[in-house]
């Protein structure tokens, strides 16, 4: 595209956005594109009454309505989250045909840092507030729910079968360094994975699944510090991209694994402090923690890294980067075992008994 056509496209895009913003109860003074990738664009909208973010996504409108409704539910229940701005007619999102617009307040604050342990305990306490605030959500008619409750068995089996298939691929390529490293550890991970799969037949999982469905609770799905800031020394969610109906254990497992992966080792003391911070806000029972332990036992990170490599999903990664990240994951998965083996001791710490 030459400069002239590019300039014309910018003008047209600006005019289209002005038409979109007329549906909202704001008077835009400035419009600035912040990002545009992976089917999602974001603009900063300046007004005399503060700044807003306008987000455009190529997503099923019914799915976006479910997410926007969850956002509205959270803010009405007092969660520290950027306020969603309805359209003049009361709509939580605006359909543009094959894409959707959503408008919410723009907030600034300090970053929440993975390597700051006090930030991580605050983030875990925020996750507890999120889960409590999600209770009672009733999606509006016409929205499309996303749920993982009752699907853990299927997910585990699928990942284990893929590990078995990847094992065959690795055996056929003995000269590949990633494959050699994979073969050194895959049997251990398969053993742990099948043990976790067997534990899913417990009554504890069935009861927590039923309770979650009945309560209307949902998960954030992928807690990441990129969507959080510190305002007045408290964690604040600046935007919400996705939610799913699932056990709180899903968010806890994802957040713990993500943080430990940053550290390249499973820090048992930090894990207990983080879970204690969560438990002080939203206490879980011993049986619910046993379900979390099962999900932590399953080698999700090992499976994910093998999936990326053998399917070539990270084309920009060279062999060294794959190996570096894989060694990191193996270190975390293996050092996690000591934590998993001390359930009773760690639970006492989480509950403040030790």
Protein backbone atom coordinates (compact mmCIF):
# COMPACT_ATOMS: atom_id res chain seq x y z
CA UNK A 1 0.00 0.00 0.00
CA UNK A 2 1.50 3.39 -1.01
CA UNK A 3 1.52 6.39 1.32
CA UNK A 4 -1.45 8.03 -0.37
CA UNK A 5 -3.71 5.00 -0.05
CA UNK A 6 -2.52 4.43 3.51
CA UNK A 7 -3.44 8.02 4.42
CA UNK A 8 -6.86 7.55 2.83
CA UNK A 9 -7.43 4.37 4.84
CA UNK A 10 -6.56 6.19 8.06
CA UNK A 11 -9.08 8.94 7.31
CA UNK A 12 -11.81 6.42 6.51
CA UNK A 13 -11.01 4.41 9.62
CA UNK A 14 -11.25 7.57 11.74
CA UNK A 15 -14.61 8.43 10.18
CA UNK A 16 -15.90 4.90 10.84
CA UNK A 17 -14.84 5.12 14.47
CA UNK A 18 -16.59 8.46 14.90
CA UNK A 19 -19.79 6.79 13.65
CA UNK A 20 -19.30 3.97 16.17
CA UNK A 21 -18.71 6.38 19.04
CA UNK A 22 -21.96 8.22 18.32
CA UNK A 23 -23.71 5.21 19.83
CA UNK A 24 -22.03 5.94 23.18
CA UNK A 25 -22.77 8.70 25.74
CA UNK A 26 -19.37 10.37 25.29
CA UNK A 27 -17.99 13.24 23.22
CA UNK A 28 -14.64 12.15 21.72
CA UNK A 29 -11.98 14.83 21.28
CA UNK A 30 -9.09 12.58 20.24
CA UNK A 31 -8.80 9.07 18.82
CA UNK A 32 -5.49 7.20 18.90
CA UNK A 33 -4.84 3.66 17.67
CA UNK A 34 -2.86 1.77 20.32
CA UNK A 35 -2.61 -1.71 18.82
CA UNK A 36 -3.98 -3.91 16.07
CA UNK A 37 -3.13 -7.61 15.86
CA UNK A 38 -4.68 -11.08 15.94
CA UNK A 39 -8.14 -9.82 15.03
CA UNK A 40 -8.22 -7.30 17.87
CA UNK A 41 -7.73 -3.51 17.69
CA UNK A 42 -7.68 -1.00 20.51
CA UNK A 43 -7.98 2.80 20.52
CA UNK A 44 -7.54 5.42 23.22
CA UNK A 45 -10.48 7.82 23.16
CA UNK A 46 -9.86 11.19 24.79
CA UNK A 47 -12.77 13.24 26.16
CA UNK A 48 -13.23 16.21 28.46
CA UNK A 49 -14.43 13.76 31.13
CA UNK A 50 -11.52 11.34 30.95
CA UNK A 51 -10.09 8.68 28.69
CA UNK A 52 -11.67 5.47 27.42
CA UNK A 53 -10.57 2.38 25.54
CA UNK A 54 -12.53 1.25 22.50
CA UNK A 55 -11.83 -2.36 21.58
CA UNK A 56 -12.77 -4.04 18.32
CA UNK A 57 -12.74 -7.83 18.08
CA UNK A 58 -13.56 -10.34 15.38
CA UNK A 59 -15.57 -12.68 17.58
CA UNK A 60 -18.96 -14.36 17.64
CA UNK A 61 -21.34 -11.60 18.85
CA UNK A 62 -23.10 -14.06 21.17
CA UNK A 63 -19.77 -15.00 22.72
CA UNK A 64 -18.83 -11.34 23.21
CA UNK A 65 -22.19 -10.70 24.85
CA UNK A 66 -21.37 -13.42 27.39
CA UNK A 67 -18.00 -11.78 28.17
CA UNK A 68 -19.43 -8.25 28.34
CA UNK A 69 -22.22 -9.48 30.60
CA UNK A 70 -19.62 -11.04 32.90
CA UNK A 71 -17.70 -7.74 32.96
CA UNK A 72 -20.89 -5.85 33.86
CA UNK A 73 -21.67 -8.40 36.59
CA UNK A 74 -18.19 -8.07 38.13
CA UNK A 75 -18.24 -4.28 38.27
CA UNK A 76 -21.74 -4.29 39.77
CA UNK A 77 -20.48 -6.69 42.45
CA UNK A 78 -17.69 -4.30 43.42
CA UNK A 79 -14.64 -5.88 41.81
CA UNK A 80 -11.85 -3.33 41.15
CA UNK A 81 -12.18 -3.36 37.36
CA UNK A 82 -12.40 -0.72 34.61
CA UNK A 83 -16.03 0.32 34.23
CA UNK A 84 -17.78 -0.92 31.11
CA UNK A 85 -19.66 1.85 29.26
CA UNK A 86 -23.02 0.79 27.75
CA UNK A 87 -24.32 2.30 24.53
CA UNK A 88 -26.96 5.04 24.65
CA UNK A 89 -29.61 2.32 24.27
CA UNK A 90 -28.14 0.23 27.11
CA UNK A 91 -26.23 -2.33 25.05
CA UNK A 92 -23.10 -3.79 26.66
CA UNK A 93 -21.40 -4.19 23.28
CA UNK A 94 -22.00 -2.99 19.74
CA UNK A 95 -22.16 -5.24 16.70
CA UNK A 96 -20.38 -4.17 13.53
CA UNK A 97 -21.34 -7.20 11.47
CA UNK A 98 -18.44 -9.63 11.64
CA UNK A 99 -16.86 -7.75 14.54
CA UNK A 100 -17.83 -6.28 17.91
CA UNK A 101 -17.02 -3.05 19.74
CA UNK A 102 -16.78 -2.60 23.49
CA UNK A 103 -16.02 0.64 25.40
CA UNK A 104 -14.62 0.93 28.91
CA UNK A 105 -12.74 3.39 31.11
CA UNK A 106 -9.00 3.81 30.60
CA UNK A 107 -6.96 3.58 33.79
CA UNK A 108 -3.29 4.09 34.52
CA UNK A 109 -1.21 2.64 37.31
CA UNK A 110 1.99 0.82 38.18
CA UNK A 111 2.66 -2.58 36.60
CA UNK A 112 2.06 -5.78 38.54
CA UNK A 113 5.41 -7.59 38.42
CA UNK A 114 5.90 -11.34 38.24
CA UNK A 115 9.21 -11.11 40.09
CA UNK A 116 7.80 -9.12 43.02
CA UNK A 117 6.48 -11.66 45.53
CA UNK A 118 4.26 -9.13 47.29
CA UNK A 119 2.66 -8.33 43.92
CA UNK A 120 2.03 -12.03 43.33
CA UNK A 121 0.32 -12.54 46.68
CA UNK A 122 -1.82 -9.47 45.93
CA UNK A 123 -2.67 -10.91 42.52
CA UNK A 124 -3.76 -14.16 44.13
CA UNK A 125 -5.97 -12.29 46.61
CA UNK A 126 -7.46 -10.44 43.63
CA UNK A 127 -8.21 -13.79 41.96
CA UNK A 128 -10.18 -14.73 45.07
CA UNK A 129 -12.15 -11.47 44.87
CA UNK A 130 -12.77 -12.15 41.18
CA UNK A 131 -14.22 -15.60 41.88
CA UNK A 132 -16.42 -14.31 44.69
CA UNK A 133 -17.68 -11.41 42.57
CA UNK A 134 -18.47 -13.79 39.71
CA UNK A 135 -21.03 -15.71 41.77
CA UNK A 136 -24.63 -15.37 40.69
CA UNK A 137 -23.91 -14.49 37.06
CA UNK A 138 -26.91 -15.18 34.85
CA UNK A 139 -25.98 -14.71 31.17
CA UNK A 140 -28.48 -12.73 29.13
CA UNK A 141 -30.64 -14.53 26.60
CA UNK A 142 -28.87 -14.92 23.29
CA UNK A 143 -25.35 -15.02 24.72
CA UNK A 144 -23.08 -18.00 24.12
CA UNK A 145 -21.50 -19.52 27.20
CA UNK A 146 -18.07 -21.11 27.27
CA UNK A 147 -17.74 -23.86 29.85
CA UNK A 148 -15.04 -26.33 30.86
CA UNK A 149 -16.92 -27.85 33.80
CA UNK A 150 -17.38 -31.56 33.27
CA UNK A 151 -14.75 -31.60 30.50
CA UNK A 152 -11.57 -32.19 32.48
CA UNK A 153 -11.50 -35.94 31.71
CA UNK A 154 -11.73 -35.26 27.98
CA UNK A 155 -9.02 -32.58 28.12
CA UNK A 156 -6.61 -34.79 30.09
CA UNK A 157 -7.16 -37.75 27.76
CA UNK A 158 -6.59 -35.60 24.68
CA UNK A 159 -3.33 -34.19 26.07
CA UNK A 160 -2.07 -37.62 27.12
CA UNK A 161 -2.85 -39.09 23.71
CA UNK A 162 -0.96 -36.23 22.08
CA UNK A 163 2.02 -36.92 24.36
CA UNK A 164 1.94 -40.57 23.28
CA UNK A 165 1.83 -39.50 19.62
CA UNK A 166 4.64 -36.99 20.11
CA UNK A 167 6.70 -39.72 21.76
CA UNK A 168 6.51 -41.72 18.52
CA UNK A 169 7.54 -38.65 16.51
CA UNK A 170 10.51 -38.06 18.81
CA UNK A 171 11.60 -41.71 18.56
CA UNK A 172 11.64 -41.36 14.77
CA UNK A 173 14.03 -38.38 14.99
CA UNK A 174 16.84 -39.44 17.38
CA UNK A 175 19.19 -36.79 16.04
CA UNK A 176 16.96 -33.92 17.12
CA UNK A 177 18.08 -32.43 20.44
CA UNK A 178 14.58 -31.36 21.49
CA UNK A 179 13.30 -34.88 20.79
CA UNK A 180 16.12 -36.42 22.87
CA UNK A 181 15.30 -34.14 25.80
CA UNK A 182 11.59 -34.89 25.38
CA UNK A 183 12.22 -38.66 25.46
CA UNK A 184 14.28 -38.35 28.66
CA UNK A 185 11.27 -37.00 30.55
CA UNK A 186 8.08 -37.99 28.72
CA UNK A 187 7.55 -41.31 30.54
CA UNK A 188 7.70 -39.55 33.91
CA UNK A 189 5.20 -36.96 32.68
CA UNK A 190 2.90 -39.65 31.28
CA UNK A 191 2.94 -41.46 34.62
CA UNK A 192 1.98 -38.28 36.44
CA UNK A 193 -0.64 -37.45 33.83
CA UNK A 194 -2.37 -40.83 34.01
CA UNK A 195 -2.31 -40.68 37.83
CA UNK A 196 -4.00 -37.27 37.68
CA UNK A 197 -6.56 -38.60 35.20
CA UNK A 198 -7.48 -41.41 37.61
CA UNK A 199 -7.92 -38.89 40.42
CA UNK A 200 -10.57 -37.06 38.39
CA UNK A 201 -12.99 -39.87 39.21
CA UNK A 202 -13.19 -38.58 42.77
CA UNK A 203 -16.40 -37.45 44.41
CA UNK A 204 -14.64 -34.21 45.34
CA UNK A 205 -14.40 -33.09 41.72
CA UNK A 206 -18.02 -34.01 41.01
CA UNK A 207 -19.24 -32.05 44.04
CA UNK A 208 -17.17 -28.95 43.25
CA UNK A 209 -18.28 -29.05 39.64
CA UNK A 210 -21.94 -29.16 40.71
CA UNK A 211 -21.39 -26.33 43.21
CA UNK A 212 -19.68 -24.16 40.57
CA UNK A 213 -22.49 -24.63 38.07
CA UNK A 214 -25.16 -23.91 40.68
CA UNK A 215 -23.38 -20.77 41.96
CA UNK A 216 -22.99 -19.16 38.53
CA UNK A 217 -19.27 -18.69 39.18
CA UNK A 218 -16.81 -18.28 36.31
CA UNK A 219 -13.05 -18.08 35.82
CA UNK A 220 -10.93 -15.43 34.15
CA UNK A 221 -9.42 -18.28 32.11
CA UNK A 222 -5.95 -16.82 31.64
CA UNK A 223 -4.85 -14.57 34.48
CA UNK A 224 -1.99 -12.44 33.21
CA UNK A 225 -0.34 -9.45 34.82
CA UNK A 226 -0.56 -7.60 31.49
CA UNK A 227 -4.25 -6.96 32.24
CA UNK A 228 -3.63 -5.73 35.77
CA UNK A 229 -2.20 -2.61 37.33
CA UNK A 230 -1.65 -1.29 40.84
CA UNK A 231 -3.90 1.64 41.80
CA UNK A 232 -3.57 3.04 45.30
CA UNK A 233 -1.38 0.01 46.07
CA UNK A 234 -4.24 -2.37 45.19
CA UNK A 235 -4.53 -4.72 42.21
CA UNK A 236 -6.95 -3.38 39.59
CA UNK A 237 -8.10 -5.11 36.38
CA UNK A 238 -7.82 -2.71 33.46
CA UNK A 239 -9.62 -4.93 30.93
CA UNK A 240 -11.29 -8.32 30.59
CA UNK A 241 -10.78 -10.33 27.41
CA UNK A 242 -12.30 -13.70 28.20
CA UNK A 243 -14.12 -15.76 30.81
CA UNK A 244 -15.22 -19.38 31.05
CA UNK A 245 -17.38 -21.36 33.44
CA UNK A 246 -14.98 -23.59 35.33
CA UNK A 247 -13.68 -24.39 38.80
CA UNK A 248 -11.57 -21.71 40.54
CA UNK A 249 -8.80 -24.33 40.56
CA UNK A 250 -8.25 -23.65 36.86
CA UNK A 251 -7.25 -20.03 37.46
CA UNK A 252 -5.11 -20.98 40.46
CA UNK A 253 -3.25 -23.65 38.50
CA UNK A 254 -2.64 -21.35 35.54
CA UNK A 255 -1.44 -18.48 37.72
CA UNK A 256 0.86 -20.65 39.85
CA UNK A 257 2.36 -22.41 36.82
CA UNK A 258 2.88 -19.11 35.01
CA UNK A 259 4.70 -17.51 37.94
CA UNK A 260 6.89 -20.53 38.65
CA UNK A 261 7.80 -20.73 34.97
CA UNK A 262 9.08 -17.15 35.23
CA UNK A 263 11.24 -18.24 38.18
CA UNK A 264 12.41 -21.41 36.36
CA UNK A 265 11.81 -23.48 39.52
CA UNK A 266 8.86 -24.37 41.76
CA UNK A 267 9.16 -22.17 44.87
CA UNK A 268 7.24 -24.12 47.50
CA UNK A 269 7.21 -21.31 50.07
CA UNK A 270 5.95 -18.77 47.53
CA UNK A 271 3.24 -21.16 46.32
CA UNK A 272 1.98 -21.60 49.88
CA UNK A 273 2.04 -17.85 50.55
CA UNK A 274 0.11 -17.17 47.37
CA UNK A 275 -2.51 -19.81 48.14
CA UNK A 276 -2.80 -18.51 51.69
CA UNK A 277 -3.47 -15.01 50.31
CA UNK A 278 -6.24 -16.52 48.17
CA UNK A 279 -7.65 -18.59 51.02
CA UNK A 280 -7.90 -15.60 53.36
CA UNK A 281 -10.35 -14.01 50.90
CA UNK A 282 -12.09 -17.08 49.47
CA UNK A 283 -11.43 -20.11 51.70
CA UNK A 284 -11.40 -23.50 50.00
CA UNK A 285 -12.01 -26.84 51.67
CA UNK A 286 -9.44 -29.60 52.00
CA UNK A 287 -11.22 -31.61 49.31
CA UNK A 288 -11.21 -28.61 46.96
CA UNK A 289 -7.46 -28.22 47.47
CA UNK A 290 -7.06 -31.91 46.63
CA UNK A 291 -8.69 -31.15 43.25
CA UNK A 292 -6.23 -28.28 42.73
CA UNK A 293 -3.36 -30.65 43.59
CA UNK A 294 -4.62 -33.06 40.92
CA UNK A 295 -4.63 -30.30 38.30
CA UNK A 296 -1.14 -29.20 39.37
CA UNK A 297 0.04 -32.80 39.12
CA UNK A 298 -1.03 -33.02 35.49
CA UNK A 299 1.94 -31.89 33.30
CA UNK A 300 0.09 -29.07 31.51
CA UNK A 301 3.26 -27.05 30.83
CA UNK A 302 5.19 -30.04 29.47
CA UNK A 303 2.27 -30.92 27.19
CA UNK A 304 1.97 -27.32 25.96
CA UNK A 305 5.66 -27.02 25.07
CA UNK A 306 5.68 -30.34 23.22
CA UNK A 307 2.50 -29.31 21.39
CA UNK A 308 4.13 -26.07 20.22
CA UNK A 309 7.30 -27.79 19.05
CA UNK A 310 5.92 -30.79 17.22
CA UNK A 311 3.20 -28.73 15.50
CA UNK A 312 5.64 -25.91 14.70
CA UNK A 313 3.37 -23.28 16.23
CA UNK A 314 6.20 -20.91 17.13
CA UNK A 315 7.75 -20.36 13.72
CA UNK A 316 9.76 -17.38 14.98
CA UNK A 317 11.51 -19.55 17.59
CA UNK A 318 14.83 -21.13 16.73
CA UNK A 319 16.09 -24.42 18.17
CA UNK A 320 17.92 -22.70 21.03
CA UNK A 321 14.84 -20.81 22.17
CA UNK A 322 12.74 -23.98 22.09
CA UNK A 323 15.36 -25.82 24.13
CA UNK A 324 15.75 -22.97 26.62
CA UNK A 325 12.00 -22.80 27.25
CA UNK A 326 11.65 -26.58 27.38
CA UNK A 327 14.46 -26.94 29.95
CA UNK A 328 12.73 -24.24 31.99
CA UNK A 329 9.42 -26.13 31.89
CA UNK A 330 11.10 -29.44 32.82
CA UNK A 331 12.82 -27.76 35.77
CA UNK A 332 9.51 -26.41 37.06
CA UNK A 333 7.57 -29.65 36.50
CA UNK A 334 10.21 -31.75 38.27
CA UNK A 335 10.82 -29.38 41.20
CA UNK A 336 7.04 -29.18 41.69
CA UNK A 337 6.98 -32.83 42.78
CA UNK A 338 8.21 -32.09 46.31
CA UNK A 339 5.37 -29.60 46.73
CA UNK A 340 2.81 -32.13 45.47
CA UNK A 341 4.13 -34.82 47.83
CA UNK A 342 3.55 -32.67 50.93
CA UNK A 343 -0.18 -31.97 50.65
CA UNK A 344 -0.99 -32.15 54.38
CA UNK A 345 1.98 -30.01 55.43
CA UNK A 346 1.37 -27.38 52.76
CA UNK A 347 -2.35 -27.26 53.51
CA UNK A 348 -1.59 -26.44 57.15
CA UNK A 349 0.60 -23.55 55.99
CA UNK A 350 -2.09 -22.32 53.60
CA UNK A 351 -4.67 -22.42 56.39
CA UNK A 352 -2.31 -20.62 58.79
CA UNK A 353 -1.98 -23.58 61.15
CA UNK A 354 1.84 -23.69 60.83
